[in-house]
């Protein structure tokens, strides 16, 4: 068993050595992984349950999805080890979902003479991973807008580690009915033939899952090389709308834990509905504060993505690129979704937002807001996935304006 693990890590190391680690296909391969990658039949971690190699579920996941010694975005890693992000240094990973390492970055700064603390725990989903130093949310005992217990939040709250959810050749999602031949997440993933299936996007769980009351699996595709800086070109994840047969809208899927966030009271931002011609038109022409001269054909930004009004995975795959070859903005029937403003794991900003909402300006006098929020220049830029500050106005206001243009 140990020999098998050693062989796996040697192979992964070889891939890194030849420079293809950014094209990340984990050993899950769309479905259940090698059992001994997560479980040890005779030597489970001390105190661990289910014979896991970590002391809890998320620690087991991060035994592969975090790697001490990373120097930059690396393959399928979604967490930066503490030793790799000392004070003033940003988390390293640039996945579409974000880097859990931001949860460990607490900032102190002064506003109008008052000292403020921006707790790292506000930056994302506080998974419980004891082996990696992650603990339950100290501010929310339950999911905001819902009742899911913060002390139970783990990677397997959202992702099915056994990967039973699959997309069949007719497009429906099921937990059986055909074998999974590979991942369904990437723009290069195989199209399942009759009698075949591919895995659900990112092993996301669906209807009947034991951890949360999901109604289905949402649709999306991402480039196969997705953990990368966006200093030159963007990484576009193409989100789709709900389809019949075991699918869910993104809003409903997130709403399994955060149901009140878009349905009652003060949580009323529209979600999972058409943008309409006015909003779509604003998105298409908005370039930056004070500049509405853009073209819809080149208006997409991964800082404000949207759901395309399609459940055709072939179309989504053709748009999921990291080359800037597909930057078309939304049409009137495309939709805002939760991911339009938030990342799924964590970000450099409170409430796991894709941009800084805590200041009047994201960019002020031609520089990212740094000392005003207690950050180094490198940390501020990392929050925007290393975009040159020149992509924004010299006095750039928040990106709500990408849809609303009130600046």
Protein backbone atom coordinates (compact mmCIF):
# COMPACT_ATOMS: atom_id res chain seq x y z
CA UNK A 1 0.00 0.00 0.00
CA UNK A 2 2.81 2.41 0.88
CA UNK A 3 4.56 1.44 -2.33
CA UNK A 4 1.46 2.40 -4.30
CA UNK A 5 1.37 5.82 -2.66
CA UNK A 6 5.07 6.37 -3.27
CA UNK A 7 4.60 5.44 -6.92
CA UNK A 8 1.74 7.95 -7.21
CA UNK A 9 3.81 10.77 -5.77
CA UNK A 10 6.80 9.89 -7.96
CA UNK A 11 4.57 10.12 -11.02
CA UNK A 12 3.17 13.48 -9.89
CA UNK A 13 6.69 14.76 -9.23
CA UNK A 14 7.72 13.70 -12.71
CA UNK A 15 4.80 15.62 -14.20
CA UNK A 16 5.87 18.74 -12.32
CA UNK A 17 9.44 18.28 -13.52
CA UNK A 18 8.45 18.30 -17.17
CA UNK A 19 6.31 21.37 -16.76
CA UNK A 20 2.75 20.14 -17.23
CA UNK A 21 1.52 20.43 -13.68
CA UNK A 22 -0.78 23.30 -14.55
CA UNK A 23 -2.95 20.95 -16.58
CA UNK A 24 -4.49 19.32 -13.56
CA UNK A 25 -6.36 16.07 -13.71
CA UNK A 26 -6.49 14.67 -10.21
CA UNK A 27 -6.52 10.97 -9.52
CA UNK A 28 -10.28 11.18 -8.95
CA UNK A 29 -10.66 11.20 -12.75
CA UNK A 30 -14.29 12.26 -12.50
CA UNK A 31 -15.40 9.64 -10.01
CA UNK A 32 -14.24 7.71 -6.98
CA UNK A 33 -10.47 7.78 -6.57
CA UNK A 34 -7.98 5.11 -5.63
CA UNK A 35 -9.31 4.01 -2.26
CA UNK A 36 -5.87 3.97 -0.64
CA UNK A 37 -5.29 7.59 -1.59
CA UNK A 38 -7.76 8.64 1.11
CA UNK A 39 -8.08 5.57 3.34
CA UNK A 40 -5.50 3.41 5.00
CA UNK A 41 -6.70 -0.09 5.69
CA UNK A 42 -4.40 -0.68 8.64
CA UNK A 43 -2.86 2.65 9.67
CA UNK A 44 -5.46 5.42 9.69
CA UNK A 45 -4.46 8.81 11.06
CA UNK A 46 -4.53 9.08 14.84
CA UNK A 47 -8.06 9.93 15.89
CA UNK A 48 -9.33 9.79 12.34
CA UNK A 49 -12.55 8.11 11.35
CA UNK A 50 -13.50 5.96 8.37
CA UNK A 51 -9.85 4.80 8.13
CA UNK A 52 -8.95 8.18 6.59
CA UNK A 53 -5.34 9.24 6.13
CA UNK A 54 -6.16 12.59 7.76
CA UNK A 55 -7.74 13.26 11.12
CA UNK A 56 -10.88 14.59 9.45
CA UNK A 57 -12.45 14.76 6.00
CA UNK A 58 -10.99 18.08 4.88
CA UNK A 59 -7.53 17.25 6.19
CA UNK A 60 -7.68 14.13 4.07
CA UNK A 61 -8.61 16.18 1.00
CA UNK A 62 -5.86 18.70 1.67
CA UNK A 63 -3.28 15.95 2.04
CA UNK A 64 -3.24 16.19 -1.77
CA UNK A 65 -4.84 19.56 -2.47
CA UNK A 66 -2.30 21.48 -0.38
CA UNK A 67 1.43 21.08 -0.89
CA UNK A 68 4.13 22.64 1.26
CA UNK A 69 6.90 24.13 -0.86
CA UNK A 70 4.80 25.57 -3.69
CA UNK A 71 6.26 28.71 -5.22
CA UNK A 72 3.34 29.63 -7.43
CA UNK A 73 0.00 28.35 -8.70
CA UNK A 74 0.35 24.60 -8.73
CA UNK A 75 -1.87 22.04 -10.39
CA UNK A 76 -4.96 21.01 -8.38
CA UNK A 77 -3.94 22.73 -5.13
CA UNK A 78 -6.63 24.88 -3.52
CA UNK A 79 -4.80 25.81 -0.31
CA UNK A 80 -1.41 27.40 0.33
CA UNK A 81 0.58 26.04 3.25
CA UNK A 82 1.17 28.59 6.02
CA UNK A 83 4.94 28.33 5.62
CA UNK A 84 4.57 29.43 1.99
CA UNK A 85 2.76 32.68 2.76
CA UNK A 86 4.58 34.63 5.49
CA UNK A 87 3.43 38.11 6.49
CA UNK A 88 3.03 40.37 3.48
CA UNK A 89 2.94 37.40 1.10
CA UNK A 90 -0.27 36.35 -0.61
CA UNK A 91 -1.63 32.82 -0.98
CA UNK A 92 -0.24 31.26 -4.14
CA UNK A 93 -3.10 29.40 -5.80
CA UNK A 94 -5.25 31.03 -8.49
CA UNK A 95 -8.00 28.47 -9.05
CA UNK A 96 -11.45 29.71 -10.09
CA UNK A 97 -12.73 28.73 -6.63
CA UNK A 98 -10.00 30.60 -4.79
CA UNK A 99 -7.35 29.68 -2.21
CA UNK A 100 -8.39 28.64 1.30
CA UNK A 101 -5.12 30.21 2.48
CA UNK A 102 -6.87 33.60 2.55
CA UNK A 103 -8.70 32.35 5.65
CA UNK A 104 -5.39 32.67 7.50
CA UNK A 105 -4.70 36.25 6.39
CA UNK A 106 -5.98 38.70 9.02
CA UNK A 107 -5.41 42.41 8.40
CA UNK A 108 -5.32 45.37 10.79
CA UNK A 109 -5.72 48.95 9.61
CA UNK A 110 -6.91 52.35 10.78
CA UNK A 111 -10.00 54.11 9.43
CA UNK A 112 -10.69 57.67 10.64
CA UNK A 113 -8.58 57.10 13.73
CA UNK A 114 -10.18 53.76 14.64
CA UNK A 115 -8.27 50.51 14.45
CA UNK A 116 -10.10 47.83 12.50
CA UNK A 117 -9.43 44.11 12.21
CA UNK A 118 -10.42 42.17 9.10
CA UNK A 119 -10.47 38.60 10.36
CA UNK A 120 -9.22 36.03 7.89
CA UNK A 121 -12.23 33.91 8.75
CA UNK A 122 -14.41 36.42 6.87
CA UNK A 123 -12.66 35.60 3.58
CA UNK A 124 -14.44 32.39 2.72
CA UNK A 125 -15.87 29.04 3.67
CA UNK A 126 -14.22 27.98 6.92
CA UNK A 127 -13.69 24.29 6.36
CA UNK A 128 -12.66 22.26 9.40
CA UNK A 129 -9.26 20.70 8.63
CA UNK A 130 -7.35 20.21 11.85
CA UNK A 131 -4.19 18.87 10.21
CA UNK A 132 -3.89 22.04 8.11
CA UNK A 133 -4.86 24.62 10.72
CA UNK A 134 -8.40 25.35 9.54
CA UNK A 135 -11.16 25.66 12.14
CA UNK A 136 -14.89 26.36 12.18
CA UNK A 137 -16.13 29.87 11.51
CA UNK A 138 -15.79 31.83 14.77
CA UNK A 139 -18.41 34.39 13.73
CA UNK A 140 -21.25 32.28 12.33
CA UNK A 141 -22.49 29.15 14.05
CA UNK A 142 -24.62 28.34 11.01
CA UNK A 143 -24.39 29.17 7.32
CA UNK A 144 -25.49 32.78 6.70
CA UNK A 145 -29.06 32.63 5.46
CA UNK A 146 -29.44 29.00 6.48
CA UNK A 147 -29.13 26.40 9.20
CA UNK A 148 -26.13 24.27 8.17
CA UNK A 149 -23.81 23.93 11.18
CA UNK A 150 -20.48 25.70 10.76
CA UNK A 151 -18.77 23.05 12.86
CA UNK A 152 -19.70 20.44 10.24
CA UNK A 153 -18.42 22.33 7.20
CA UNK A 154 -15.92 20.24 5.23
CA UNK A 155 -14.86 19.72 1.65
CA UNK A 156 -17.30 16.85 1.42
CA UNK A 157 -20.16 19.15 2.38
CA UNK A 158 -20.20 20.31 -1.24
CA UNK A 159 -18.09 17.76 -3.11
CA UNK A 160 -18.96 14.09 -3.20
CA UNK A 161 -15.59 12.43 -2.47
CA UNK A 162 -16.78 9.18 -3.98
CA UNK A 163 -17.86 10.94 -7.16
CA UNK A 164 -21.06 8.99 -7.68
CA UNK A 165 -22.85 11.83 -9.47
CA UNK A 166 -22.45 11.47 -13.20
CA UNK A 167 -23.72 12.94 -16.45
CA UNK A 168 -25.09 10.31 -18.80
CA UNK A 169 -24.97 10.44 -22.58
CA UNK A 170 -28.48 11.94 -22.74
CA UNK A 171 -27.41 14.82 -20.45
CA UNK A 172 -29.20 13.67 -17.33
CA UNK A 173 -27.46 13.40 -13.96
CA UNK A 174 -27.69 10.20 -11.95
CA UNK A 175 -25.75 8.21 -9.37
CA UNK A 176 -25.76 4.99 -11.41
CA UNK A 177 -26.73 3.70 -14.81
CA UNK A 178 -23.42 3.86 -16.67
CA UNK A 179 -19.72 3.77 -15.75
CA UNK A 180 -17.80 7.04 -15.42
CA UNK A 181 -15.12 7.16 -18.09
CA UNK A 182 -13.49 10.41 -16.94
CA UNK A 183 -13.95 13.93 -15.67
CA UNK A 184 -16.78 16.07 -16.97
CA UNK A 185 -15.25 19.32 -15.66
CA UNK A 186 -12.91 20.40 -18.44
CA UNK A 187 -13.10 21.86 -21.92
CA UNK A 188 -11.15 18.79 -23.04
CA UNK A 189 -13.32 16.21 -21.26
CA UNK A 190 -14.69 13.37 -23.35
CA UNK A 191 -18.29 13.41 -24.50
CA UNK A 192 -19.96 10.30 -23.07
CA UNK A 193 -21.28 7.86 -25.66
CA UNK A 194 -24.34 5.70 -25.10
CA UNK A 195 -23.70 3.48 -22.11
CA UNK A 196 -21.07 5.84 -20.71
CA UNK A 197 -20.99 8.75 -18.26
CA UNK A 198 -18.62 11.49 -17.14
CA UNK A 199 -18.29 12.92 -13.66
CA UNK A 200 -20.26 15.89 -12.39
CA UNK A 201 -18.53 19.26 -12.51
CA UNK A 202 -15.91 19.31 -9.75
CA UNK A 203 -17.45 16.21 -8.12
CA UNK A 204 -20.26 18.45 -6.87
CA UNK A 205 -23.02 16.66 -5.03
CA UNK A 206 -26.65 16.58 -6.11
CA UNK A 207 -30.08 15.35 -5.14
CA UNK A 208 -30.15 12.80 -2.34
CA UNK A 209 -26.73 13.72 -0.96
CA UNK A 210 -26.44 13.04 2.75
CA UNK A 211 -24.61 16.23 3.74
CA UNK A 212 -26.85 18.95 2.30
CA UNK A 213 -30.29 19.11 0.62
CA UNK A 214 -29.13 19.78 -2.92
CA UNK A 215 -31.80 19.55 -5.60
CA UNK A 216 -29.38 18.71 -8.40
CA UNK A 217 -25.93 19.34 -9.86
CA UNK A 218 -25.11 22.69 -11.53
CA UNK A 219 -23.52 22.85 -14.97
CA UNK A 220 -20.13 24.33 -15.84
CA UNK A 221 -16.90 23.77 -17.73
CA UNK A 222 -13.42 25.11 -17.01
CA UNK A 223 -10.14 25.06 -18.94
CA UNK A 224 -7.95 22.06 -18.21
CA UNK A 225 -5.18 24.50 -17.18
CA UNK A 226 -7.11 26.53 -14.64
CA UNK A 227 -4.77 27.22 -11.70
CA UNK A 228 -2.82 30.09 -13.20
CA UNK A 229 -2.13 33.78 -12.98
CA UNK A 230 -4.41 36.09 -14.95
CA UNK A 231 -1.75 38.74 -15.38
CA UNK A 232 -1.89 38.35 -19.19
CA UNK A 233 -4.99 36.32 -20.10
CA UNK A 234 -8.07 35.34 -18.12
CA UNK A 235 -9.28 31.93 -17.06
CA UNK A 236 -12.91 31.65 -18.10
CA UNK A 237 -15.14 29.18 -16.32
CA UNK A 238 -18.30 28.80 -18.40
CA UNK A 239 -21.31 28.41 -16.12
CA UNK A 240 -24.55 27.02 -17.52
CA UNK A 241 -28.18 27.17 -16.53
CA UNK A 242 -30.27 24.38 -15.09
CA UNK A 243 -31.42 21.55 -17.26
CA UNK A 244 -33.87 18.76 -16.69
CA UNK A 245 -32.81 15.44 -15.28
CA UNK A 246 -30.93 15.99 -12.06
CA UNK A 247 -29.50 19.44 -12.70
CA UNK A 248 -29.79 22.57 -10.56
CA UNK A 249 -29.34 26.29 -11.04
CA UNK A 250 -26.29 27.69 -9.28
CA UNK A 251 -28.50 29.79 -7.01
CA UNK A 252 -30.56 26.82 -5.92
CA UNK A 253 -27.45 24.74 -5.40
CA UNK A 254 -25.79 27.33 -3.14
CA UNK A 255 -29.21 27.94 -1.59
CA UNK A 256 -29.21 24.42 -0.15
CA UNK A 257 -27.23 26.00 2.70
CA UNK A 258 -27.86 29.72 2.12
CA UNK A 259 -31.53 29.67 1.16
CA UNK A 260 -32.46 33.07 2.56
CA UNK A 261 -29.68 34.82 0.69
CA UNK A 262 -31.80 35.35 -2.39
CA UNK A 263 -35.36 34.71 -1.34
CA UNK A 264 -36.52 36.70 1.70
CA UNK A 265 -35.93 39.76 3.84
CA UNK A 266 -32.94 41.87 2.94
CA UNK A 267 -31.28 39.18 0.84
CA UNK A 268 -33.00 40.14 -2.37
CA UNK A 269 -30.38 40.44 -5.11
CA UNK A 270 -31.83 38.68 -8.19
CA UNK A 271 -30.26 35.35 -9.04
CA UNK A 272 -30.96 32.66 -11.65
CA UNK A 273 -33.02 35.00 -13.82
CA UNK A 274 -32.34 36.70 -17.13
CA UNK A 275 -30.21 39.83 -16.99
CA UNK A 276 -32.43 41.65 -19.46
CA UNK A 277 -31.28 43.81 -22.33
CA UNK A 278 -30.38 46.85 -20.20
CA UNK A 279 -28.05 45.06 -17.78
CA UNK A 280 -26.55 42.92 -20.54
CA UNK A 281 -25.93 46.09 -22.55
CA UNK A 282 -24.20 47.80 -19.64
CA UNK A 283 -21.99 44.75 -19.06
CA UNK A 284 -21.05 44.76 -22.74
CA UNK A 285 -19.99 48.39 -22.89
CA UNK A 286 -18.50 48.86 -19.41
CA UNK A 287 -14.68 48.92 -19.48
CA UNK A 288 -13.85 50.72 -16.23
CA UNK A 289 -15.02 53.67 -14.18
CA UNK A 290 -15.83 56.50 -16.56
CA UNK A 291 -15.31 54.38 -19.68
CA UNK A 292 -18.36 52.90 -21.42
CA UNK A 293 -16.76 52.42 -24.83
CA UNK A 294 -16.42 48.63 -24.71
CA UNK A 295 -17.66 46.00 -27.13
CA UNK A 296 -19.95 43.18 -26.06
CA UNK A 297 -17.79 40.76 -28.06
CA UNK A 298 -14.80 41.35 -25.77
CA UNK A 299 -16.45 42.38 -22.50
CA UNK A 300 -16.17 39.22 -20.37
CA UNK A 301 -14.23 39.44 -17.12
CA UNK A 302 -13.63 36.54 -14.79
CA UNK A 303 -14.10 38.98 -11.92
CA UNK A 304 -17.80 39.16 -12.87
CA UNK A 305 -18.79 35.91 -14.63
CA UNK A 306 -22.36 34.88 -15.42
CA UNK A 307 -24.42 31.83 -16.32
CA UNK A 308 -24.92 31.30 -20.02
CA UNK A 309 -28.46 30.46 -21.04
CA UNK A 310 -27.58 26.99 -22.21
CA UNK A 311 -27.29 23.48 -20.85
CA UNK A 312 -25.26 22.35 -23.86
CA UNK A 313 -21.94 21.15 -22.47
CA UNK A 314 -20.33 21.36 -25.89
CA UNK A 315 -21.07 25.08 -26.03
CA UNK A 316 -19.82 25.59 -22.47
CA UNK A 317 -16.61 23.71 -23.25
CA UNK A 318 -15.96 25.89 -26.30
CA UNK A 319 -16.15 29.00 -24.11
CA UNK A 320 -14.09 27.65 -21.20
CA UNK A 321 -10.67 28.91 -22.30
CA UNK A 322 -7.64 30.62 -20.80
CA UNK A 323 -6.47 32.26 -24.05
CA UNK A 324 -8.88 35.23 -24.22
CA UNK A 325 -10.25 33.74 -27.45
CA UNK A 326 -13.79 33.68 -26.00
CA UNK A 327 -14.57 36.94 -24.19
CA UNK A 328 -18.13 37.51 -25.33
CA UNK A 329 -20.37 39.17 -22.79
CA UNK A 330 -23.88 38.12 -21.78
CA UNK A 331 -27.08 38.27 -23.74
CA UNK A 332 -30.39 39.32 -22.24
CA UNK A 333 -31.35 35.74 -21.33
CA UNK A 334 -28.06 34.92 -19.63
CA UNK A 335 -28.17 34.99 -15.85
CA UNK A 336 -26.49 36.36 -12.75
CA UNK A 337 -25.52 33.65 -10.31
CA UNK A 338 -23.88 33.44 -6.89
CA UNK A 339 -20.48 32.99 -8.54
CA UNK A 340 -20.90 36.31 -10.35
CA UNK A 341 -19.81 38.06 -7.16
CA UNK A 342 -18.32 35.33 -4.96
CA UNK A 343 -15.74 32.58 -5.32
CA UNK A 344 -16.57 29.17 -3.89
CA UNK A 345 -13.61 28.64 -1.54
CA UNK A 346 -12.08 31.91 -0.35
CA UNK A 347 -10.71 35.22 -1.64
CA UNK A 348 -8.58 38.12 -0.51
CA UNK A 349 -11.68 40.10 0.39
CA UNK A 350 -14.43 39.83 3.01
CA UNK A 351 -17.46 37.66 2.21
CA UNK A 352 -15.36 35.76 -0.35
CA UNK A 353 -16.10 38.47 -2.91
CA UNK A 354 -14.14 38.70 -6.14
CA UNK A 355 -13.23 42.33 -5.53
CA UNK A 356 -12.85 44.74 -2.62
CA UNK A 357 -16.21 46.12 -1.51
CA UNK A 358 -14.92 47.71 1.70
CA UNK A 359 -13.58 50.95 0.21
CA UNK A 360 -14.96 53.62 -2.06
CA UNK A 361 -12.25 52.66 -4.55
CA UNK A 362 -10.65 49.39 -5.63
CA UNK A 363 -7.89 51.44 -7.25
CA UNK A 364 -6.99 54.89 -5.98
CA UNK A 365 -4.64 57.25 -7.76
CA UNK A 366 -3.45 54.42 -9.97
CA UNK A 367 -2.60 51.87 -7.26
CA UNK A 368 -4.50 49.05 -5.60
CA UNK A 369 -5.83 49.84 -2.14
CA UNK A 370 -3.10 48.55 0.16
CA UNK A 371 -2.33 50.41 3.36
CA UNK A 372 -5.98 51.41 3.65
CA UNK A 373 -6.76 47.72 4.15
CA UNK A 374 -3.52 46.59 5.83
CA UNK A 375 -2.22 44.70 2.79
CA UNK A 376 1.05 44.61 0.93
CA UNK A 377 1.00 45.59 -2.71
CA UNK A 378 1.57 41.95 -3.65
CA UNK A 379 -1.39 40.80 -1.55
CA UNK A 380 -3.67 43.42 -3.06
CA UNK A 381 -2.72 42.41 -6.61
CA UNK A 382 -3.09 38.71 -5.78
CA UNK A 383 -6.70 39.31 -4.83
CA UNK A 384 -7.28 40.26 -8.46
CA UNK A 385 -5.26 37.29 -9.73
CA UNK A 386 -2.29 39.51 -10.60
CA UNK A 387 -4.06 41.77 -13.08
CA UNK A 388 -2.05 44.88 -13.89
CA UNK A 389 -3.62 47.81 -12.13
CA UNK A 390 -3.70 49.59 -15.48
CA UNK A 391 -6.63 47.39 -16.51
CA UNK A 392 -8.74 49.55 -14.19
CA UNK A 393 -9.39 53.28 -14.01
CA UNK A 394 -6.94 55.33 -11.97
CA UNK A 395 -9.86 55.82 -9.58
CA UNK A 396 -11.73 52.55 -10.03
CA UNK A 397 -14.92 52.00 -8.08
CA UNK A 398 -16.32 48.60 -7.19
CA UNK A 399 -17.30 46.08 -9.85
CA UNK A 400 -21.00 46.11 -9.04
CA UNK A 401 -20.74 48.76 -11.73
CA UNK A 402 -19.92 46.15 -14.37
CA UNK A 403 -23.68 45.51 -14.44
CA UNK A 404 -25.04 48.75 -12.98
CA UNK A 405 -22.66 51.53 -14.14
CA UNK A 406 -23.38 53.92 -11.31
CA UNK A 407 -19.83 55.25 -11.30
